[in-house]
Amino acid sequence: MALEFRCQDVGIACRNVAKAETTDQLVAAVAAHAKAKHGVELNQTLIDYAVTKVRPAGG
């Protein structure tokens, strides 16, 4: 089952939706997006919080 993460779900005004097959792949995609588009390097606290907002794709 595919997973997704939306920047909006953590209070960021961004329409990005990252999708991946595993949590590790999704975290990598979110971290790359956060750095490239928002200038944010994810630390473990931010990663842990982001993982709580992961949901099945299309959900």
C-alpha atoms as a PDB file:
ATOM      1  CA  MET A   1       0.000   0.000   0.000  1.00  0.00           C
ATOM      2  CA  ALA A   2       1.351   3.400  -0.973  1.00  0.00           C
ATOM      3  CA  LEU A   3       1.790   6.088   1.677  1.00  0.00           C
ATOM      4  CA  GLU A   4       1.600   9.850   1.425  1.00  0.00           C
ATOM      5  CA  PHE A   5       2.564  12.966   3.348  1.00  0.00           C
ATOM      6  CA  ARG A   6       1.147  16.433   2.771  1.00  0.00           C
ATOM      7  CA  CYS A   7       2.997  19.564   3.892  1.00  0.00           C
ATOM      8  CA  GLN A   8      -0.392  21.111   4.722  1.00  0.00           C
ATOM      9  CA  ASP A   9      -0.936  18.452   7.406  1.00  0.00           C
ATOM     10  CA  VAL A  10       1.900  19.953   9.453  1.00  0.00           C
ATOM     11  CA  GLY A  11       0.751  23.537   9.022  1.00  0.00           C
ATOM     12  CA  ILE A  12       2.873  24.544   6.029  1.00  0.00           C
ATOM     13  CA  ALA A  13       1.201  26.487   3.227  1.00  0.00           C
ATOM     14  CA  CYS A  14       2.406  24.127   0.505  1.00  0.00           C
ATOM     15  CA  ARG A  15       0.498  21.852  -1.851  1.00  0.00           C
ATOM     16  CA  ASN A  16       3.225  19.205  -2.061  1.00  0.00           C
ATOM     17  CA  VAL A  17       2.108  15.599  -1.634  1.00  0.00           C
ATOM     18  CA  ALA A  18       4.950  13.113  -1.291  1.00  0.00           C
ATOM     19  CA  LYS A  19       4.160   9.467  -2.030  1.00  0.00           C
ATOM     20  CA  ALA A  20       6.173   6.286  -1.555  1.00  0.00           C
ATOM     21  CA  GLU A  21       5.771   2.590  -0.887  1.00  0.00           C
ATOM     22  CA  THR A  22       7.568   2.552   2.481  1.00  0.00           C
ATOM     23  CA  THR A  23       7.914   4.918   5.410  1.00  0.00           C
ATOM     24  CA  ASP A  24      11.690   5.119   4.897  1.00  0.00           C
ATOM     25  CA  GLN A  25      11.259   6.069   1.243  1.00  0.00           C
ATOM     26  CA  LEU A  26       8.616   8.626   2.179  1.00  0.00           C
ATOM     27  CA  VAL A  27      10.796  10.206   4.866  1.00  0.00           C
ATOM     28  CA  ALA A  28      13.624  10.515   2.332  1.00  0.00           C
ATOM     29  CA  ALA A  29      11.296  12.209  -0.167  1.00  0.00           C
ATOM     30  CA  VAL A  30       9.886  14.556   2.473  1.00  0.00           C
ATOM     31  CA  ALA A  31      13.376  15.442   3.723  1.00  0.00           C
ATOM     32  CA  ALA A  32      14.541  16.233   0.185  1.00  0.00           C
ATOM     33  CA  HIS A  33      11.465  18.398  -0.444  1.00  0.00           C
ATOM     34  CA  ALA A  34      11.782  20.183   2.910  1.00  0.00           C
ATOM     35  CA  LYS A  35      15.395  21.096   2.179  1.00  0.00           C
ATOM     36  CA  ALA A  36      14.902  22.082  -1.476  1.00  0.00           C
ATOM     37  CA  LYS A  37      11.647  24.013  -1.183  1.00  0.00           C
ATOM     38  CA  HIS A  38      11.503  25.171   2.432  1.00  0.00           C
ATOM     39  CA  GLY A  39      15.182  25.413   3.397  1.00  0.00           C
ATOM     40  CA  VAL A  40      14.606  23.076   6.350  1.00  0.00           C
ATOM     41  CA  GLU A  41      16.877  20.211   7.365  1.00  0.00           C
ATOM     42  CA  LEU A  42      14.792  17.595   9.139  1.00  0.00           C
ATOM     43  CA  ASN A  43      16.119  16.502  12.519  1.00  0.00           C
ATOM     44  CA  GLN A  44      14.840  13.419  14.348  1.00  0.00           C
ATOM     45  CA  THR A  45      12.129  15.383  16.175  1.00  0.00           C
ATOM     46  CA  LEU A  46      10.732  16.736  12.895  1.00  0.00           C
ATOM     47  CA  ILE A  47      10.930  13.301  11.291  1.00  0.00           C
ATOM     48  CA  ASP A  48       9.098  11.705  14.217  1.00  0.00           C
ATOM     49  CA  TYR A  49       6.365  14.340  13.957  1.00  0.00           C
ATOM     50  CA  ALA A  50       6.076  14.001  10.184  1.00  0.00           C
ATOM     51  CA  VAL A  51       5.681  10.233  10.477  1.00  0.00           C
ATOM     52  CA  THR A  52       2.598  10.779  12.657  1.00  0.00           C
ATOM     53  CA  LYS A  53       0.997  12.550   9.670  1.00  0.00           C
ATOM     54  CA  VAL A  54       1.663   9.776   7.144  1.00  0.00           C
ATOM     55  CA  ARG A  55      -1.460   8.178   5.728  1.00  0.00           C
ATOM     56  CA  PRO A  56      -2.433   5.706   3.042  1.00  0.00           C
ATOM     57  CA  ALA A  57      -2.211   7.318  -0.392  1.00  0.00           C
ATOM     58  CA  GLY A  58      -5.498   8.823  -1.483  1.00  0.00           C
ATOM     59  CA  GLY A  59      -6.756   8.903   2.105  1.00  0.00           C
END
